[in-house]
Amino acid sequence: MASKRPEHQGPPDIFYNEEEARKYSQNTHIIDVQTKLSERAIELLNLPDEESCLVLDIGCGSGLSGEVLSELGHQWVGLDISSAMLGLFLNSSENIFNYR
């Protein structure tokens, strides 16, 4: 049975272009699911409530999980294979300290 996941079908820029990245990051269902997954992951990491932690978000996409981390007072570094997804984050974020 062949995988239906886009990353198994071809290079990321084919499936995660600017249009697809925009649709993904504006989909309210995806935003809701990603927020809940992020909250659960943070809970499982058992990050302290009273201090800010630095978290590496591998596969950060357009920064949906990072927004949850930021709201909870944590700092984060995001990496993603899709330049279109990172571009969405960079164009929408006011809190970028360093980008390379």
N, C-alpha and C. Protein backbone atom coordinates (compact mmCIF):
# COMPACT_ATOMS: atom_id res chain seq x y z
N MET A 1 0.84 -1.18 0.00
CA MET A 1 0.00 0.00 0.00
C MET A 1 0.89 1.25 0.00
N ALA A 2 0.71 2.11 -0.95
CA ALA A 2 1.52 3.31 -1.08
C ALA A 2 1.10 4.36 -0.05
N SER A 3 2.09 5.08 0.43
CA SER A 3 1.83 6.15 1.39
C SER A 3 1.18 7.34 0.71
N LYS A 4 0.23 7.97 1.39
CA LYS A 4 -0.42 9.16 0.85
C LYS A 4 0.21 10.44 1.39
N ARG A 5 1.22 10.29 2.23
CA ARG A 5 1.87 11.47 2.79
C ARG A 5 2.68 12.16 1.70
N PRO A 6 2.51 13.47 1.55
CA PRO A 6 3.19 14.19 0.48
C PRO A 6 4.70 14.02 0.49
N GLU A 7 5.30 14.00 1.68
CA GLU A 7 6.76 13.91 1.75
C GLU A 7 7.29 12.59 1.22
N HIS A 8 6.41 11.60 1.05
CA HIS A 8 6.82 10.32 0.49
C HIS A 8 6.62 10.28 -1.02
N GLN A 9 6.00 11.30 -1.58
CA GLN A 9 5.68 11.33 -3.00
C GLN A 9 6.67 12.13 -3.84
N GLY A 10 7.37 13.06 -3.23
CA GLY A 10 8.29 13.89 -3.99
C GLY A 10 8.92 14.96 -3.11
N PRO A 11 9.71 15.85 -3.73
CA PRO A 11 10.38 16.91 -2.97
C PRO A 11 9.39 17.84 -2.28
N PRO A 12 9.78 18.42 -1.15
CA PRO A 12 8.86 19.25 -0.37
C PRO A 12 8.31 20.45 -1.12
N ASP A 13 9.10 21.03 -2.01
CA ASP A 13 8.64 22.24 -2.71
C ASP A 13 7.48 21.97 -3.66
N ILE A 14 7.27 20.71 -4.04
CA ILE A 14 6.14 20.37 -4.90
C ILE A 14 4.84 20.46 -4.10
N PHE A 15 4.86 19.98 -2.86
CA PHE A 15 3.64 19.90 -2.05
C PHE A 15 3.51 21.04 -1.06
N TYR A 16 4.61 21.63 -0.68
CA TYR A 16 4.58 22.69 0.31
C TYR A 16 5.03 24.01 -0.31
N ASN A 17 4.42 24.35 -1.44
CA ASN A 17 4.72 25.62 -2.09
C ASN A 17 3.97 26.74 -1.36
N GLU A 18 4.10 27.95 -1.85
CA GLU A 18 3.50 29.09 -1.15
C GLU A 18 1.98 28.97 -1.01
N GLU A 19 1.32 28.51 -2.07
CA GLU A 19 -0.14 28.38 -2.01
C GLU A 19 -0.57 27.32 -0.99
N GLU A 20 0.07 26.15 -1.03
CA GLU A 20 -0.27 25.08 -0.09
C GLU A 20 0.08 25.47 1.34
N ALA A 21 1.20 26.15 1.52
CA ALA A 21 1.60 26.60 2.86
C ALA A 21 0.56 27.57 3.41
N ARG A 22 0.09 28.49 2.57
CA ARG A 22 -0.92 29.46 2.99
C ARG A 22 -2.22 28.75 3.38
N LYS A 23 -2.66 27.79 2.56
CA LYS A 23 -3.89 27.05 2.86
C LYS A 23 -3.75 26.29 4.18
N TYR A 24 -2.60 25.65 4.38
CA TYR A 24 -2.36 24.89 5.60
C TYR A 24 -2.44 25.79 6.83
N SER A 25 -1.77 26.92 6.76
CA SER A 25 -1.68 27.76 7.95
C SER A 25 -2.95 28.58 8.21
N GLN A 26 -3.90 28.58 7.27
CA GLN A 26 -5.17 29.28 7.48
C GLN A 26 -6.33 28.33 7.76
N ASN A 27 -6.07 27.04 7.72
CA ASN A 27 -7.11 26.04 7.96
C ASN A 27 -7.41 25.97 9.46
N THR A 28 -8.62 26.34 9.85
CA THR A 28 -8.95 26.40 11.27
C THR A 28 -8.88 25.04 11.95
N HIS A 29 -9.21 23.97 11.24
CA HIS A 29 -9.12 22.63 11.83
C HIS A 29 -7.65 22.29 12.11
N ILE A 30 -6.78 22.57 11.17
CA ILE A 30 -5.36 22.29 11.36
C ILE A 30 -4.81 23.13 12.52
N ILE A 31 -5.20 24.39 12.58
CA ILE A 31 -4.73 25.26 13.66
C ILE A 31 -5.18 24.70 15.01
N ASP A 32 -6.43 24.26 15.11
CA ASP A 32 -6.95 23.70 16.35
C ASP A 32 -6.21 22.42 16.74
N VAL A 33 -6.04 21.52 15.80
CA VAL A 33 -5.34 20.26 16.08
C VAL A 33 -3.89 20.53 16.46
N GLN A 34 -3.21 21.39 15.71
CA GLN A 34 -1.81 21.69 15.99
C GLN A 34 -1.65 22.34 17.36
N THR A 35 -2.57 23.20 17.74
CA THR A 35 -2.52 23.84 19.05
C THR A 35 -2.66 22.79 20.16
N LYS A 36 -3.63 21.89 20.01
CA LYS A 36 -3.83 20.84 21.01
C LYS A 36 -2.62 19.90 21.09
N LEU A 37 -2.06 19.54 19.93
CA LEU A 37 -0.86 18.69 19.92
C LEU A 37 0.31 19.39 20.60
N SER A 38 0.45 20.67 20.34
CA SER A 38 1.54 21.44 20.94
C SER A 38 1.39 21.52 22.45
N GLU A 39 0.18 21.79 22.90
CA GLU A 39 -0.07 21.85 24.34
C GLU A 39 0.24 20.52 25.01
N ARG A 40 -0.15 19.43 24.36
CA ARG A 40 0.12 18.10 24.92
C ARG A 40 1.62 17.80 24.93
N ALA A 41 2.31 18.16 23.86
CA ALA A 41 3.76 17.93 23.80
C ALA A 41 4.47 18.71 24.90
N ILE A 42 4.04 19.94 25.12
CA ILE A 42 4.64 20.76 26.18
C ILE A 42 4.37 20.14 27.54
N GLU A 43 3.18 19.63 27.72
CA GLU A 43 2.84 18.94 28.97
C GLU A 43 3.75 17.72 29.17
N LEU A 44 3.95 16.93 28.12
CA LEU A 44 4.80 15.75 28.21
C LEU A 44 6.26 16.10 28.45
N LEU A 45 6.70 17.24 27.94
CA LEU A 45 8.07 17.69 28.18
C LEU A 45 8.28 18.13 29.62
N ASN A 46 7.17 18.38 30.32
CA ASN A 46 7.22 18.78 31.72
C ASN A 46 8.09 20.02 31.92
N LEU A 47 7.88 21.01 31.05
CA LEU A 47 8.63 22.25 31.16
C LEU A 47 8.18 23.01 32.40
N PRO A 48 9.11 23.63 33.10
CA PRO A 48 8.74 24.36 34.31
C PRO A 48 7.88 25.59 33.98
N ASP A 49 6.87 25.83 34.81
CA ASP A 49 5.98 26.97 34.61
C ASP A 49 6.65 28.29 34.99
N GLU A 50 7.57 28.23 35.93
CA GLU A 50 8.12 29.46 36.49
C GLU A 50 9.35 30.00 35.76
N GLU A 51 9.83 29.30 34.74
CA GLU A 51 10.98 29.81 34.00
C GLU A 51 10.85 29.53 32.51
N SER A 52 11.47 30.39 31.74
CA SER A 52 11.45 30.26 30.28
C SER A 52 12.46 29.21 29.85
N CYS A 53 12.05 28.36 28.93
CA CYS A 53 12.94 27.34 28.38
C CYS A 53 13.18 27.62 26.91
N LEU A 54 14.29 27.11 26.40
CA LEU A 54 14.60 27.20 24.98
C LEU A 54 14.28 25.85 24.36
N VAL A 55 13.41 25.84 23.35
CA VAL A 55 12.92 24.60 22.74
C VAL A 55 13.27 24.61 21.25
N LEU A 56 13.74 23.48 20.75
CA LEU A 56 14.00 23.30 19.32
C LEU A 56 12.77 22.65 18.70
N ASP A 57 12.15 23.33 17.76
CA ASP A 57 10.96 22.82 17.06
C ASP A 57 11.38 22.38 15.66
N ILE A 58 11.62 21.09 15.51
CA ILE A 58 12.01 20.53 14.21
C ILE A 58 10.74 20.23 13.43
N GLY A 59 10.63 20.83 12.27
CA GLY A 59 9.41 20.72 11.48
C GLY A 59 8.41 21.78 11.92
N CYS A 60 8.90 22.99 12.18
CA CYS A 60 8.06 24.05 12.75
C CYS A 60 7.02 24.60 11.79
N GLY A 61 7.17 24.34 10.50
CA GLY A 61 6.20 24.84 9.54
C GLY A 61 6.06 26.34 9.60
N SER A 62 4.84 26.81 9.70
CA SER A 62 4.58 28.25 9.74
C SER A 62 4.59 28.81 11.16
N GLY A 63 5.01 28.00 12.12
CA GLY A 63 5.18 28.49 13.48
C GLY A 63 3.99 28.33 14.40
N LEU A 64 3.04 27.46 14.05
CA LEU A 64 1.86 27.28 14.90
C LEU A 64 2.23 26.77 16.29
N SER A 65 3.12 25.79 16.37
CA SER A 65 3.54 25.28 17.68
C SER A 65 4.36 26.32 18.43
N GLY A 66 5.17 27.05 17.70
CA GLY A 66 5.98 28.09 18.31
C GLY A 66 5.14 29.17 18.96
N GLU A 67 4.00 29.47 18.36
CA GLU A 67 3.10 30.46 18.95
C GLU A 67 2.63 30.00 20.33
N VAL A 68 2.34 28.71 20.46
CA VAL A 68 1.92 28.17 21.75
C VAL A 68 3.07 28.28 22.75
N LEU A 69 4.28 27.93 22.31
CA LEU A 69 5.44 28.04 23.19
C LEU A 69 5.65 29.49 23.64
N SER A 70 5.54 30.42 22.70
CA SER A 70 5.72 31.84 23.03
C SER A 70 4.66 32.32 24.01
N GLU A 71 3.42 31.92 23.80
CA GLU A 71 2.33 32.32 24.70
C GLU A 71 2.57 31.84 26.12
N LEU A 72 3.28 30.71 26.25
CA LEU A 72 3.58 30.16 27.58
C LEU A 72 4.89 30.70 28.14
N GLY A 73 5.50 31.65 27.43
CA GLY A 73 6.70 32.30 27.94
C GLY A 73 8.01 31.62 27.57
N HIS A 74 7.97 30.66 26.68
CA HIS A 74 9.19 29.97 26.28
C HIS A 74 9.74 30.57 25.00
N GLN A 75 11.03 30.37 24.79
CA GLN A 75 11.67 30.78 23.54
C GLN A 75 11.89 29.53 22.71
N TRP A 76 11.95 29.70 21.41
CA TRP A 76 12.10 28.52 20.57
C TRP A 76 12.86 28.85 19.29
N VAL A 77 13.46 27.81 18.76
CA VAL A 77 14.16 27.88 17.48
C VAL A 77 13.44 26.91 16.56
N GLY A 78 13.07 27.36 15.38
CA GLY A 78 12.33 26.51 14.45
C GLY A 78 13.12 26.16 13.22
N LEU A 79 12.99 24.91 12.79
CA LEU A 79 13.59 24.42 11.55
C LEU A 79 12.50 23.76 10.73
N ASP A 80 12.56 23.93 9.41
CA ASP A 80 11.61 23.25 8.55
C ASP A 80 12.22 23.07 7.17
N ILE A 81 11.83 21.98 6.51
CA ILE A 81 12.33 21.68 5.17
C ILE A 81 11.68 22.56 4.11
N SER A 82 10.53 23.12 4.42
CA SER A 82 9.78 23.92 3.45
C SER A 82 10.07 25.41 3.61
N SER A 83 10.71 25.97 2.61
CA SER A 83 10.99 27.41 2.66
C SER A 83 9.70 28.22 2.59
N ALA A 84 8.67 27.69 1.94
CA ALA A 84 7.38 28.39 1.86
C ALA A 84 6.73 28.49 3.24
N MET A 85 6.79 27.41 4.02
CA MET A 85 6.22 27.43 5.37
C MET A 85 7.00 28.40 6.25
N LEU A 86 8.32 28.34 6.18
CA LEU A 86 9.12 29.28 6.96
C LEU A 86 8.86 30.72 6.54
N GLY A 87 8.67 30.92 5.24
CA GLY A 87 8.38 32.25 4.74
C GLY A 87 7.10 32.83 5.33
N LEU A 88 6.09 31.98 5.48
CA LEU A 88 4.84 32.44 6.10
C LEU A 88 5.09 32.92 7.52
N PHE A 89 5.87 32.14 8.25
CA PHE A 89 6.19 32.53 9.62
C PHE A 89 6.96 33.85 9.65
N LEU A 90 7.96 33.95 8.81
CA LEU A 90 8.80 35.15 8.81
C LEU A 90 8.00 36.40 8.42
N ASN A 91 7.06 36.24 7.52
CA ASN A 91 6.25 37.38 7.08
C ASN A 91 5.19 37.78 8.10
N SER A 92 4.84 36.86 9.00
CA SER A 92 3.77 37.16 9.95
C SER A 92 4.26 37.43 11.36
N SER A 93 5.52 37.16 11.62
CA SER A 93 6.01 37.26 12.99
C SER A 93 6.64 38.61 13.28
N GLU A 94 6.32 39.12 14.46
CA GLU A 94 6.91 40.38 14.93
C GLU A 94 8.01 40.10 15.95
N ASN A 95 8.18 38.85 16.34
CA ASN A 95 9.09 38.52 17.43
C ASN A 95 10.30 37.71 16.99
N ILE A 96 10.81 37.98 15.81
CA ILE A 96 11.98 37.25 15.34
C ILE A 96 13.23 37.97 15.84
N PHE A 97 14.05 37.22 16.54
CA PHE A 97 15.27 37.80 17.05
C PHE A 97 16.43 37.59 16.09
N ASN A 98 16.45 36.46 15.42
CA ASN A 98 17.56 36.15 14.54
C ASN A 98 17.10 35.14 13.51
N TYR A 99 17.40 35.42 12.27
CA TYR A 99 17.03 34.50 11.19
C TYR A 99 18.21 34.35 10.26
N ARG A 100 18.55 33.12 9.94
CA ARG A 100 19.64 32.85 8.98
C ARG A 100 19.20 31.82 8.00
